[in-house]
Amino acid sequence: MDLYKLKIIIGIVLFTELIFCQKNNIYAELGGAGYTKTFNYERMLTSNIIARLGYGFEKEEGTNNYSDNEFIKFYPLGAAYLFGAGDNRFEIGGGMTLLDGTLEMNGEKVEENQSTLYIGSGYRYYLTDGLLFGVKGYYLTLGKFSAPWLGISLGWTF
């Protein structure tokens, strides 16, 4: 009977640790994996591993109307590993950004429904009241195109 109680207590402690160590981040990023600007949600899967899902859009060049077909949409998906502890963290990660629309780069058009691959590393600072600030360098690849890129993010942790 005592072994059974011990297993229950250990199970409750581990489950509580798993639930309460997880945090959510929401933030806006200028530049970054979403090309120009994105709104992102991150979930801390462990104390060091995060998963990311984002949404961004940009008006296609050469269009004058604001219909849904005139925008290219970006959906960054990724994961990262955080180093350090406390308010100052460094991260390294990667993922892909799904594109919905036609993107023009250097005068050449990228066909619809493509995806870019990216790797990135950077710094994030968590303020004590929940504010999140980050700067990250990326390397984006899309077919024959590739380029270094920078992202600056500001958001909230809860």
C-alpha atoms as a PDB file:
ATOM      1  CA  MET A   1       0.000   0.000   0.000  1.00  0.00           C
ATOM      2  CA  ASP A   2       2.839   2.461   0.798  1.00  0.00           C
ATOM      3  CA  LEU A   3       4.477   1.774  -2.582  1.00  0.00           C
ATOM      4  CA  TYR A   4       1.158   2.536  -4.297  1.00  0.00           C
ATOM      5  CA  LYS A   5       0.866   5.891  -2.450  1.00  0.00           C
ATOM      6  CA  LEU A   6       4.453   6.728  -3.344  1.00  0.00           C
ATOM      7  CA  LYS A   7       3.752   6.065  -7.041  1.00  0.00           C
ATOM      8  CA  ILE A   8       0.648   8.283  -6.889  1.00  0.00           C
ATOM      9  CA  ILE A   9       2.590  11.122  -5.244  1.00  0.00           C
ATOM     10  CA  ILE A  10       5.451  10.850  -7.763  1.00  0.00           C
ATOM     11  CA  GLY A  11       2.934  10.810 -10.631  1.00  0.00           C
ATOM     12  CA  ILE A  12       1.165  13.924  -9.328  1.00  0.00           C
ATOM     13  CA  VAL A  13       4.478  15.765  -8.848  1.00  0.00           C
ATOM     14  CA  LEU A  14       5.698  14.877 -12.353  1.00  0.00           C
ATOM     15  CA  PHE A  15       2.354  15.788 -13.944  1.00  0.00           C
ATOM     16  CA  THR A  16       2.237  19.109 -12.060  1.00  0.00           C
ATOM     17  CA  GLU A  17       5.827  19.855 -13.106  1.00  0.00           C
ATOM     18  CA  LEU A  18       4.956  19.127 -16.729  1.00  0.00           C
ATOM     19  CA  ILE A  19       1.850  21.327 -16.715  1.00  0.00           C
ATOM     20  CA  PHE A  20       3.171  24.299 -14.762  1.00  0.00           C
ATOM     21  CA  CYS A  21       6.622  24.559 -16.345  1.00  0.00           C
ATOM     22  CA  GLN A  22       5.060  25.215 -19.740  1.00  0.00           C
ATOM     23  CA  LYS A  23       4.647  28.796 -20.849  1.00  0.00           C
ATOM     24  CA  ASN A  24       3.040  30.478 -23.796  1.00  0.00           C
ATOM     25  CA  ASN A  25       4.575  33.307 -25.801  1.00  0.00           C
ATOM     26  CA  ILE A  26       2.741  35.565 -28.214  1.00  0.00           C
ATOM     27  CA  TYR A  27       4.690  38.161 -30.145  1.00  0.00           C
ATOM     28  CA  ALA A  28       4.937  40.236 -33.290  1.00  0.00           C
ATOM     29  CA  GLU A  29       8.089  39.874 -35.355  1.00  0.00           C
ATOM     30  CA  LEU A  30       9.356  42.321 -37.959  1.00  0.00           C
ATOM     31  CA  GLY A  31      11.462  40.554 -40.558  1.00  0.00           C
ATOM     32  CA  GLY A  32      12.274  37.064 -39.396  1.00  0.00           C
ATOM     33  CA  ALA A  33      10.997  33.743 -40.677  1.00  0.00           C
ATOM     34  CA  GLY A  34       7.805  35.330 -42.020  1.00  0.00           C
ATOM     35  CA  TYR A  35       9.621  37.562 -44.512  1.00  0.00           C
ATOM     36  CA  THR A  36       8.215  40.973 -43.473  1.00  0.00           C
ATOM     37  CA  LYS A  37       5.986  40.774 -40.402  1.00  0.00           C
ATOM     38  CA  THR A  38       4.239  37.984 -38.501  1.00  0.00           C
ATOM     39  CA  PHE A  39       2.180  37.353 -35.395  1.00  0.00           C
ATOM     40  CA  ASN A  40       3.396  34.251 -33.585  1.00  0.00           C
ATOM     41  CA  TYR A  41       2.428  31.812 -30.850  1.00  0.00           C
ATOM     42  CA  GLU A  42       5.036  29.698 -29.087  1.00  0.00           C
ATOM     43  CA  ARG A  43       4.549  26.905 -26.602  1.00  0.00           C
ATOM     44  CA  MET A  44       7.341  25.795 -24.311  1.00  0.00           C
ATOM     45  CA  LEU A  45       7.290  22.017 -24.576  1.00  0.00           C
ATOM     46  CA  THR A  46      10.008  21.685 -21.924  1.00  0.00           C
ATOM     47  CA  SER A  47      12.020  24.290 -20.063  1.00  0.00           C
ATOM     48  CA  ASN A  48      14.375  24.497 -23.086  1.00  0.00           C
ATOM     49  CA  ILE A  49      12.377  23.457 -26.186  1.00  0.00           C
ATOM     50  CA  ILE A  50       9.790  25.679 -27.875  1.00  0.00           C
ATOM     51  CA  ALA A  51       7.457  25.120 -30.827  1.00  0.00           C
ATOM     52  CA  ARG A  52       6.306  28.023 -33.017  1.00  0.00           C
ATOM     53  CA  LEU A  53       3.300  28.753 -35.221  1.00  0.00           C
ATOM     54  CA  GLY A  54       2.835  32.110 -36.942  1.00  0.00           C
ATOM     55  CA  TYR A  55       0.820  34.089 -39.475  1.00  0.00           C
ATOM     56  CA  GLY A  56       1.809  37.049 -41.613  1.00  0.00           C
ATOM     57  CA  PHE A  57       0.723  38.746 -44.813  1.00  0.00           C
ATOM     58  CA  GLU A  58       1.993  41.255 -47.318  1.00  0.00           C
ATOM     59  CA  LYS A  59       0.335  43.005 -50.257  1.00  0.00           C
ATOM     60  CA  GLU A  60       1.597  41.550 -53.536  1.00  0.00           C
ATOM     61  CA  GLU A  61       3.598  43.964 -55.679  1.00  0.00           C
ATOM     62  CA  GLY A  62       1.777  45.521 -58.607  1.00  0.00           C
ATOM     63  CA  THR A  63      -1.724  45.183 -57.137  1.00  0.00           C
ATOM     64  CA  ASN A  64      -3.998  48.090 -56.314  1.00  0.00           C
ATOM     65  CA  ASN A  65      -7.007  46.403 -54.720  1.00  0.00           C
ATOM     66  CA  TYR A  66      -7.250  44.868 -51.269  1.00  0.00           C
ATOM     67  CA  SER A  67      -9.058  41.642 -52.081  1.00  0.00           C
ATOM     68  CA  ASP A  68      -8.008  38.380 -50.426  1.00  0.00           C
ATOM     69  CA  ASN A  69      -6.264  37.250 -53.631  1.00  0.00           C
ATOM     70  CA  GLU A  70      -3.977  40.312 -53.612  1.00  0.00           C
ATOM     71  CA  PHE A  71      -2.086  39.252 -50.477  1.00  0.00           C
ATOM     72  CA  ILE A  72       0.658  36.738 -49.993  1.00  0.00           C
ATOM     73  CA  LYS A  73       0.336  34.929 -46.670  1.00  0.00           C
ATOM     74  CA  PHE A  74       3.168  33.472 -44.581  1.00  0.00           C
ATOM     75  CA  TYR A  75       2.853  30.645 -42.041  1.00  0.00           C
ATOM     76  CA  PRO A  76       6.124  30.090 -40.134  1.00  0.00           C
ATOM     77  CA  LEU A  77       6.388  26.745 -38.302  1.00  0.00           C
ATOM     78  CA  GLY A  78       9.427  25.820 -36.265  1.00  0.00           C
ATOM     79  CA  ALA A  79      11.149  24.681 -33.119  1.00  0.00           C
ATOM     80  CA  ALA A  80      14.075  26.005 -31.130  1.00  0.00           C
ATOM     81  CA  TYR A  81      16.291  25.090 -28.229  1.00  0.00           C
ATOM     82  CA  LEU A  82      16.916  27.697 -25.509  1.00  0.00           C
ATOM     83  CA  PHE A  83      20.252  28.007 -23.698  1.00  0.00           C
ATOM     84  CA  GLY A  84      20.749  29.722 -20.379  1.00  0.00           C
ATOM     85  CA  ALA A  85      18.427  30.353 -17.487  1.00  0.00           C
ATOM     86  CA  GLY A  86      16.388  33.162 -16.083  1.00  0.00           C
ATOM     87  CA  ASP A  87      15.564  36.291 -18.042  1.00  0.00           C
ATOM     88  CA  ASN A  88      18.401  36.079 -20.599  1.00  0.00           C
ATOM     89  CA  ARG A  89      18.181  33.199 -23.070  1.00  0.00           C
ATOM     90  CA  PHE A  90      19.954  32.334 -26.301  1.00  0.00           C
ATOM     91  CA  GLU A  91      18.201  30.192 -28.878  1.00  0.00           C
ATOM     92  CA  ILE A  92      19.009  28.128 -31.932  1.00  0.00           C
ATOM     93  CA  GLY A  93      16.391  26.520 -34.133  1.00  0.00           C
ATOM     94  CA  GLY A  94      14.886  26.009 -37.518  1.00  0.00           C
ATOM     95  CA  GLY A  95      11.743  25.315 -39.421  1.00  0.00           C
ATOM     96  CA  MET A  96       9.819  26.176 -42.525  1.00  0.00           C
ATOM     97  CA  THR A  97       7.556  28.977 -43.694  1.00  0.00           C
ATOM     98  CA  LEU A  98       4.627  28.045 -45.905  1.00  0.00           C
ATOM     99  CA  LEU A  99       3.772  30.634 -48.571  1.00  0.00           C
ATOM    100  CA  ASP A 100       0.272  31.201 -49.908  1.00  0.00           C
ATOM    101  CA  GLY A 101       0.493  33.530 -52.906  1.00  0.00           C
ATOM    102  CA  THR A 102       3.089  34.651 -55.431  1.00  0.00           C
ATOM    103  CA  LEU A 103       6.262  36.178 -54.028  1.00  0.00           C
ATOM    104  CA  GLU A 104       8.544  38.359 -56.129  1.00  0.00           C
ATOM    105  CA  MET A 105      12.243  38.451 -55.224  1.00  0.00           C
ATOM    106  CA  ASN A 106      14.873  40.377 -57.195  1.00  0.00           C
ATOM    107  CA  GLY A 107      12.486  40.751 -60.134  1.00  0.00           C
ATOM    108  CA  GLU A 108      11.791  37.000 -60.313  1.00  0.00           C
ATOM    109  CA  LYS A 109       8.516  35.452 -59.248  1.00  0.00           C
ATOM    110  CA  VAL A 110       8.372  32.498 -56.893  1.00  0.00           C
ATOM    111  CA  GLU A 111       5.469  30.205 -57.717  1.00  0.00           C
ATOM    112  CA  GLU A 112       2.498  29.829 -55.400  1.00  0.00           C
ATOM    113  CA  ASN A 113       2.321  27.413 -52.476  1.00  0.00           C
ATOM    114  CA  GLN A 114       6.054  27.082 -51.906  1.00  0.00           C
ATOM    115  CA  SER A 115       7.840  26.776 -48.582  1.00  0.00           C
ATOM    116  CA  THR A 116      11.072  28.275 -47.317  1.00  0.00           C
ATOM    117  CA  LEU A 117      13.420  26.512 -44.955  1.00  0.00           C
ATOM    118  CA  TYR A 118      15.176  28.514 -42.287  1.00  0.00           C
ATOM    119  CA  ILE A 119      17.684  28.231 -39.497  1.00  0.00           C
ATOM    120  CA  GLY A 120      18.101  30.918 -36.912  1.00  0.00           C
ATOM    121  CA  SER A 121      19.790  31.865 -33.698  1.00  0.00           C
ATOM    122  CA  GLY A 122      19.437  34.822 -31.430  1.00  0.00           C
ATOM    123  CA  TYR A 123      18.797  36.348 -28.047  1.00  0.00           C
ATOM    124  CA  ARG A 124      15.593  36.807 -26.087  1.00  0.00           C
ATOM    125  CA  TYR A 125      14.995  38.731 -22.885  1.00  0.00           C
ATOM    126  CA  TYR A 126      12.059  38.068 -20.559  1.00  0.00           C
ATOM    127  CA  LEU A 127      11.133  41.043 -18.400  1.00  0.00           C
ATOM    128  CA  THR A 128       9.671  40.253 -14.977  1.00  0.00           C
ATOM    129  CA  ASP A 129       6.201  41.548 -15.856  1.00  0.00           C
ATOM    130  CA  GLY A 130       5.856  39.153 -18.825  1.00  0.00           C
ATOM    131  CA  LEU A 131       7.220  41.321 -21.632  1.00  0.00           C
ATOM    132  CA  LEU A 132       9.329  39.474 -24.220  1.00  0.00           C
ATOM    133  CA  PHE A 133      11.962  41.077 -26.459  1.00  0.00           C
ATOM    134  CA  GLY A 134      14.049  39.184 -29.006  1.00  0.00           C
ATOM    135  CA  VAL A 135      16.553  39.650 -31.823  1.00  0.00           C
ATOM    136  CA  LYS A 136      17.341  36.762 -34.135  1.00  0.00           C
ATOM    137  CA  GLY A 137      19.436  36.206 -37.234  1.00  0.00           C
ATOM    138  CA  TYR A 138      18.067  33.838 -39.871  1.00  0.00           C
ATOM    139  CA  TYR A 139      19.289  32.143 -43.001  1.00  0.00           C
ATOM    140  CA  LEU A 140      16.375  31.579 -45.396  1.00  0.00           C
ATOM    141  CA  THR A 141      16.342  29.293 -48.441  1.00  0.00           C
ATOM    142  CA  LEU A 142      13.672  29.106 -51.124  1.00  0.00           C
ATOM    143  CA  GLY A 143      14.613  27.088 -54.190  1.00  0.00           C
ATOM    144  CA  LYS A 144      17.519  28.884 -55.858  1.00  0.00           C
ATOM    145  CA  PHE A 145      17.142  31.900 -53.552  1.00  0.00           C
ATOM    146  CA  SER A 146      18.858  32.156 -50.183  1.00  0.00           C
ATOM    147  CA  ALA A 147      19.700  35.075 -47.946  1.00  0.00           C
ATOM    148  CA  PRO A 148      20.584  36.087 -44.402  1.00  0.00           C
ATOM    149  CA  TRP A 149      17.717  37.839 -42.636  1.00  0.00           C
ATOM    150  CA  LEU A 150      17.069  39.593 -39.324  1.00  0.00           C
ATOM    151  CA  GLY A 151      14.032  39.459 -37.059  1.00  0.00           C
ATOM    152  CA  ILE A 152      13.094  41.687 -34.125  1.00  0.00           C
ATOM    153  CA  SER A 153      10.259  40.572 -31.873  1.00  0.00           C
ATOM    154  CA  LEU A 154       8.195  42.081 -29.082  1.00  0.00           C
ATOM    155  CA  GLY A 155       5.482  40.259 -27.202  1.00  0.00           C
ATOM    156  CA  TRP A 156       4.111  38.742 -24.029  1.00  0.00           C
ATOM    157  CA  THR A 157       4.774  35.602 -21.984  1.00  0.00           C
ATOM    158  CA  PHE A 158       2.009  34.007 -19.932  1.00  0.00           C
END
